[in-house]
Amino acid sequence: MREPTGGTMKKLLFQLDTDPIPNTFDTVVAYDGGADHVTVHGGITPENVGKMVDGAIFTRAPSYKKYTALFVTGSNMAEGEAVFAAIKKHYFGNFRVSVMLDSNGSNTTAAAGAAYIMSHIDVRGKRVVILAGTGPVGQRAGVMLASEGAEVILTSRRLDRSEAACAGMKKSFNVDLVPGEAASPPAVDKVLEGAHIVMATGAAGVQLLAEEQWRDHPTLQFLIDANATPPLGIGGVEALDKGTLRHGKICFGALGFGGLKLEVHRACVEKMFESNKQSFDGQEIFALARELLAEQQE
């Protein structure tokens, strides 16, 4: 197959969103990552994604398949995971294109946060508490940190929900996370006993940890908050904090590590067009985040 007359093969990215109305944020980042054209589809399910995958993997000759990529988005990580798995079932031999999963920005947000934690602290043997950690960002960050040797406690207001999330991560990624309950300030104080790192990944505008609860904490070294909407998830931490020392502890706010999240997001899209065999899920995105951060800090 010859290259099209008058220029190089176009980089085509198909954004496959599990929501009825796709998120424009992901579309903008896809263009910023180097796609020449982004085609957006909403309401994607494992049942209807097949024809789109077949069109992507069969149309172009082997040497040009790297110029087509699939980007799974949407607000629900479980639905995104199901679509991601369904896409891969259609692949065989070299009939494949690169694919990325980042439902609700969960993988890139978790990867950026975890990368900053590990750039400051050796997490092996450290106790990490993820407040409101049963959402997709908390679960993915927990897997990333536990895979590096941390003891990760995934909390929820309901213990059964935390237990279910930990069981799900064990099944999907074969990592052990510890369930924890954080339904009240005394419960949060208890789960923070002996903790070295706190990450807050709760809903926007909900404070999960008051400043007086961590200010004089004897073992805490690092706090990071993924919430940028006041009131922030961790009281006393500012959204723009980026390695800021507060009460002797290293603090990061959502905007402080958000720049790396966007850089990782764009870099993943760019790398999908380097070959037709790239697959970006949690661990691959985490590895890229650590690589990019290391380059920044050289």
Protein backbone atom coordinates (compact mmCIF):
# COMPACT_ATOMS: atom_id res chain seq x y z
CA MET A 1 0.00 0.00 0.00
CA ARG A 2 1.41 3.38 -0.99
CA GLU A 3 1.29 6.47 1.17
CA PRO A 4 -1.51 8.87 0.24
CA THR A 5 -0.58 11.38 -2.45
CA GLY A 6 0.45 14.79 -1.15
CA GLY A 7 1.46 13.91 2.41
CA THR A 8 2.00 11.37 5.15
CA MET A 9 -0.54 8.95 6.51
CA LYS A 10 -2.93 10.75 8.88
CA LYS A 11 -2.89 9.84 12.57
CA LEU A 12 -6.47 8.83 13.33
CA LEU A 13 -7.69 8.42 16.89
CA PHE A 14 -11.10 7.00 17.72
CA GLN A 15 -12.38 8.14 21.10
CA LEU A 16 -14.72 5.44 22.38
CA ASP A 17 -16.69 6.88 25.29
CA THR A 18 -18.96 4.79 27.48
CA ASP A 19 -21.16 7.81 28.29
CA PRO A 20 -23.97 8.94 25.96
CA ILE A 21 -22.36 12.38 25.67
CA PRO A 22 -18.56 12.10 25.41
CA ASN A 23 -16.30 14.35 27.45
CA THR A 24 -14.71 17.13 25.38
CA PHE A 25 -11.73 17.24 27.77
CA ASP A 26 -10.51 13.91 26.39
CA THR A 27 -11.01 15.09 22.81
CA VAL A 28 -8.89 18.20 23.37
CA VAL A 29 -6.10 16.17 24.98
CA ALA A 30 -6.21 13.70 22.09
CA TYR A 31 -5.54 16.50 19.61
CA ASP A 32 -2.87 17.97 21.88
CA GLY A 33 -1.23 14.54 21.95
CA GLY A 34 -0.66 14.67 18.20
CA ALA A 35 -3.72 13.09 16.59
CA ASP A 36 -4.50 14.59 13.20
CA HIS A 37 -8.16 13.69 13.47
CA VAL A 38 -10.28 12.51 16.40
CA THR A 39 -13.56 10.70 15.78
CA VAL A 40 -15.74 10.61 18.88
CA HIS A 41 -18.38 7.97 19.62
CA GLY A 42 -20.59 7.87 22.72
CA GLY A 43 -22.59 5.07 24.28
CA ILE A 44 -19.89 2.47 23.63
CA THR A 45 -20.37 -0.98 25.17
CA PRO A 46 -18.55 -4.32 24.85
CA GLU A 47 -21.42 -5.45 22.62
CA ASN A 48 -21.26 -2.63 20.05
CA VAL A 49 -17.52 -1.88 19.95
CA GLY A 50 -16.65 -4.83 17.72
CA LYS A 51 -17.38 -3.28 14.31
CA MET A 52 -15.30 -0.22 15.19
CA VAL A 53 -12.37 -2.38 16.22
CA ASP A 54 -12.62 -4.46 13.05
CA GLY A 55 -12.61 -1.32 10.92
CA ALA A 56 -9.54 -0.04 12.74
CA ILE A 57 -7.47 -3.21 12.50
CA PHE A 58 -8.30 -4.36 8.97
CA THR A 59 -8.30 -1.16 6.90
CA ARG A 60 -4.65 -0.14 6.78
CA ALA A 61 -1.66 -2.21 5.66
CA PRO A 62 0.63 -3.60 8.40
CA SER A 63 3.20 -0.82 8.14
CA TYR A 64 0.48 1.83 8.49
CA LYS A 65 -1.57 0.35 11.34
CA LYS A 66 0.43 2.46 13.80
CA TYR A 67 -1.36 5.52 12.46
CA THR A 68 -4.68 4.33 13.90
CA ALA A 69 -5.37 4.26 17.67
CA LEU A 70 -8.27 3.68 20.07
CA PHE A 71 -8.86 5.73 23.23
CA VAL A 72 -11.40 4.41 25.77
CA THR A 73 -12.96 7.20 27.84
CA GLY A 74 -16.06 7.85 29.93
CA SER A 75 -17.02 8.48 33.54
CA ASN A 76 -17.24 4.86 34.68
CA MET A 77 -14.00 2.89 35.02
CA ALA A 78 -15.72 -0.50 35.30
CA GLU A 79 -17.52 0.13 32.00
CA GLY A 80 -14.28 1.33 30.44
CA GLU A 81 -12.44 -1.79 31.60
CA ALA A 82 -15.10 -3.97 30.00
CA VAL A 83 -14.80 -2.11 26.67
CA PHE A 84 -10.99 -2.22 26.88
CA ALA A 85 -11.11 -6.01 27.36
CA ALA A 86 -13.64 -6.44 24.53
CA ILE A 87 -11.39 -4.48 22.15
CA LYS A 88 -8.42 -6.74 22.86
CA LYS A 89 -10.48 -9.86 22.19
CA HIS A 90 -10.76 -8.75 18.56
CA TYR A 91 -6.97 -8.56 18.13
CA PHE A 92 -4.94 -11.39 16.62
CA GLY A 93 -1.46 -11.57 15.16
CA ASN A 94 -0.53 -8.18 13.77
CA PHE A 95 -4.17 -7.23 13.32
CA ARG A 96 -4.20 -4.76 16.19
CA VAL A 97 -3.82 -1.06 16.88
CA SER A 98 -2.65 0.78 19.96
CA VAL A 99 -5.24 1.34 22.67
CA MET A 100 -5.45 3.40 25.86
CA LEU A 101 -7.84 3.26 28.83
CA ASP A 102 -8.33 6.41 30.90
CA SER A 103 -11.95 6.51 32.04
CA ASN A 104 -12.62 9.72 33.96
CA GLY A 105 -8.89 10.48 33.78
CA SER A 106 -8.40 7.84 36.46
CA ASN A 107 -5.22 6.21 35.21
CA THR A 108 -3.38 9.41 34.34
CA THR A 109 -4.42 11.15 37.59
CA ALA A 110 -3.45 8.17 39.73
CA ALA A 111 -0.17 7.76 37.86
CA ALA A 112 0.82 11.40 38.27
CA GLY A 113 0.02 11.37 41.98
CA ALA A 114 1.83 8.10 42.62
CA ALA A 115 4.84 9.26 40.60
CA TYR A 116 5.20 12.39 42.73
CA ILE A 117 4.91 10.34 45.91
CA MET A 118 7.66 7.99 44.77
CA SER A 119 9.89 10.85 43.67
CA HIS A 120 9.99 12.04 47.29
CA ILE A 121 9.67 8.87 49.36
CA ASP A 122 10.79 5.27 49.05
CA VAL A 123 7.38 3.65 49.57
CA ARG A 124 8.66 0.16 50.31
CA GLY A 125 7.30 -0.80 53.70
CA LYS A 126 5.55 2.54 54.11
CA ARG A 127 1.89 2.74 55.12
CA VAL A 128 -0.26 4.63 52.61
CA VAL A 129 -3.84 5.60 53.44
CA ILE A 130 -6.06 6.50 50.50
CA LEU A 131 -9.11 8.37 51.75
CA ALA A 132 -12.31 7.77 49.77
CA GLY A 133 -10.17 5.31 47.89
CA THR A 134 -12.85 3.08 46.41
CA GLY A 135 -13.31 5.33 43.38
CA PRO A 136 -11.30 4.66 40.22
CA VAL A 137 -8.46 7.09 41.00
CA GLY A 138 -8.00 5.70 44.50
CA GLN A 139 -8.11 2.09 43.39
CA ARG A 140 -5.63 2.59 40.56
CA ALA A 141 -3.25 4.63 42.75
CA GLY A 142 -3.48 1.92 45.38
CA VAL A 143 -2.46 -0.74 42.88
CA MET A 144 0.46 1.37 41.63
CA LEU A 145 1.84 2.02 45.12
CA ALA A 146 1.24 -1.50 46.41
CA SER A 147 3.09 -2.90 43.39
CA GLU A 148 6.11 -0.89 44.58
CA GLY A 149 6.03 -2.41 48.05
CA ALA A 150 3.79 -0.04 50.02
CA GLU A 151 1.16 -1.20 52.50
CA VAL A 152 -1.94 0.48 51.09
CA ILE A 153 -5.14 0.99 53.07
CA LEU A 154 -8.10 1.75 50.84
CA THR A 155 -10.81 3.50 52.83
CA SER A 156 -14.50 4.15 52.39
CA ARG A 157 -17.29 5.34 54.63
CA ARG A 158 -18.55 1.75 54.44
CA LEU A 159 -16.23 -1.14 55.17
CA ASP A 160 -18.07 -3.53 52.85
CA ARG A 161 -17.47 -1.16 49.94
CA SER A 162 -13.78 -0.99 50.77
CA GLU A 163 -13.58 -4.77 51.06
CA ALA A 164 -15.24 -5.18 47.65
CA ALA A 165 -12.81 -2.71 46.04
CA CYS A 166 -9.79 -4.45 47.53
CA ALA A 167 -11.09 -7.83 46.35
CA GLY A 168 -11.63 -6.41 42.86
CA MET A 169 -8.07 -5.08 42.65
CA LYS A 170 -6.72 -8.43 43.87
CA LYS A 171 -8.64 -10.21 41.13
CA SER A 172 -7.67 -7.76 38.39
CA PHE A 173 -4.05 -6.99 39.32
CA ASN A 174 -3.05 -9.60 41.92
CA VAL A 175 -2.08 -6.99 44.52
CA ASP A 176 -3.09 -6.97 48.17
CA LEU A 177 -4.79 -3.83 49.46
CA VAL A 178 -6.11 -3.45 53.01
CA PRO A 179 -9.73 -2.33 53.48
CA GLY A 180 -10.40 0.46 55.94
CA GLU A 181 -13.40 2.40 57.27
CA ALA A 182 -13.34 6.19 57.51
CA ALA A 183 -16.94 7.19 58.26
CA SER A 184 -16.14 9.80 60.92
CA PRO A 185 -13.21 11.90 62.18
CA PRO A 186 -12.43 9.38 64.97
CA ALA A 187 -12.46 6.57 62.40
CA VAL A 188 -10.11 8.57 60.16
CA ASP A 189 -7.78 9.18 63.12
CA LYS A 190 -7.70 5.47 63.81
CA VAL A 191 -6.93 4.44 60.23
CA LEU A 192 -4.14 7.05 60.11
CA GLU A 193 -2.28 5.48 63.02
CA GLY A 194 1.23 4.68 61.85
CA ALA A 195 0.59 6.09 58.36
CA HIS A 196 3.38 7.76 56.39
CA ILE A 197 1.44 8.95 53.33
CA VAL A 198 -2.13 10.17 52.82
CA MET A 199 -3.81 10.52 49.46
CA ALA A 200 -7.33 11.96 49.22
CA THR A 201 -9.32 10.93 46.15
CA GLY A 202 -12.86 11.79 47.17
CA ALA A 203 -15.68 13.64 45.46
CA ALA A 204 -15.23 17.31 44.59
CA GLY A 205 -16.01 19.75 47.38
CA VAL A 206 -15.88 17.26 50.27
CA GLN A 207 -13.29 17.61 53.02
CA LEU A 208 -12.03 14.22 54.15
CA LEU A 209 -9.27 15.26 56.55
CA ALA A 210 -9.11 18.39 58.71
CA GLU A 211 -5.82 20.21 59.20
CA GLU A 212 -5.81 19.58 62.94
CA GLN A 213 -5.96 15.83 62.24
CA TRP A 214 -2.64 15.76 60.39
CA ARG A 215 -0.78 18.89 61.51
CA ASP A 216 0.95 17.24 64.49
CA HIS A 217 0.71 13.65 63.30
CA PRO A 218 3.90 11.86 64.43
CA THR A 219 4.48 9.59 61.40
CA LEU A 220 2.92 11.37 58.42
CA GLN A 221 5.44 12.62 55.87
CA PHE A 222 3.47 13.27 52.68
CA LEU A 223 -0.04 14.44 51.82
CA ILE A 224 -1.58 14.68 48.35
CA ASP A 225 -5.11 15.81 47.46
CA ALA A 226 -6.78 15.12 44.11
CA ASN A 227 -9.68 17.52 44.76
CA ALA A 228 -9.41 21.03 43.30
CA THR A 229 -12.91 22.23 44.28
CA PRO A 230 -13.32 24.02 47.65
CA PRO A 231 -13.55 22.81 50.28
CA LEU A 232 -10.53 20.73 49.36
CA GLY A 233 -10.20 17.11 50.41
CA ILE A 234 -7.41 17.82 52.89
CA GLY A 235 -7.76 20.90 55.03
CA GLY A 236 -4.63 23.07 55.18
CA VAL A 237 -3.34 21.87 51.81
CA GLU A 238 -3.67 24.35 48.94
CA ALA A 239 -4.65 23.31 45.40
CA LEU A 240 -1.42 24.81 44.01
CA ASP A 241 0.88 23.12 46.53
CA LYS A 242 3.68 21.33 44.72
CA GLY A 243 6.06 19.82 47.22
CA THR A 244 5.19 22.58 49.69
CA LEU A 245 6.31 21.99 53.27
CA ARG A 246 3.44 22.48 55.71
CA HIS A 247 3.92 21.56 59.37
CA GLY A 248 7.03 19.66 58.31
CA LYS A 249 5.16 17.51 55.79
CA ILE A 250 5.41 17.48 51.98
CA CYS A 251 2.12 18.60 50.44
CA PHE A 252 0.68 18.43 46.92
CA GLY A 253 -2.63 19.87 45.77
CA ALA A 254 -4.63 18.85 42.72
CA LEU A 255 -3.29 21.67 40.56
CA GLY A 256 0.21 21.04 41.84
CA PHE A 257 0.36 17.60 40.25
CA GLY A 258 -2.26 18.26 37.56
CA GLY A 259 0.33 19.52 35.11
CA LEU A 260 2.08 16.15 35.12
CA LYS A 261 -1.28 14.40 34.70
CA LEU A 262 -1.92 16.37 31.49
CA GLU A 263 1.62 15.79 30.25
CA VAL A 264 1.26 12.04 30.83
CA HIS A 265 -2.12 12.06 29.09
CA ARG A 266 -0.69 13.76 26.01
CA ALA A 267 2.42 11.59 25.99
CA CYS A 268 0.35 8.40 25.99
CA VAL A 269 -1.59 9.58 22.94
CA GLU A 270 1.64 10.51 21.19
CA LYS A 271 3.24 7.13 21.92
CA MET A 272 0.23 5.22 20.62
CA PHE A 273 1.23 6.33 17.13
CA GLU A 274 4.79 4.98 17.46
CA SER A 275 3.67 1.39 16.83
CA ASN A 276 0.44 -0.56 16.56
CA LYS A 277 1.20 -2.67 19.64
CA GLN A 278 0.99 -0.13 22.45
CA SER A 279 -1.42 -0.83 25.29
CA PHE A 280 -1.80 1.82 27.97
CA ASP A 281 -3.60 0.84 31.16
CA GLY A 282 -2.66 1.58 34.78
CA GLN A 283 0.85 0.18 35.09
CA GLU A 284 2.00 1.29 31.64
CA ILE A 285 0.75 4.81 32.29
CA PHE A 286 2.40 4.80 35.73
CA ALA A 287 5.74 3.80 34.20
CA LEU A 288 5.49 6.65 31.70
CA ALA A 289 4.58 9.13 34.45
CA ARG A 290 7.68 8.17 36.44
CA GLU A 291 9.84 8.45 33.33
CA LEU A 292 8.52 11.93 32.46
CA LEU A 293 8.90 13.16 36.04
CA ALA A 294 12.46 11.86 36.23
CA GLU A 295 13.31 13.75 33.04
CA GLN A 296 11.84 16.95 34.51
CA GLN A 297 13.91 16.59 37.67
CA GLU A 298 17.26 15.95 35.96
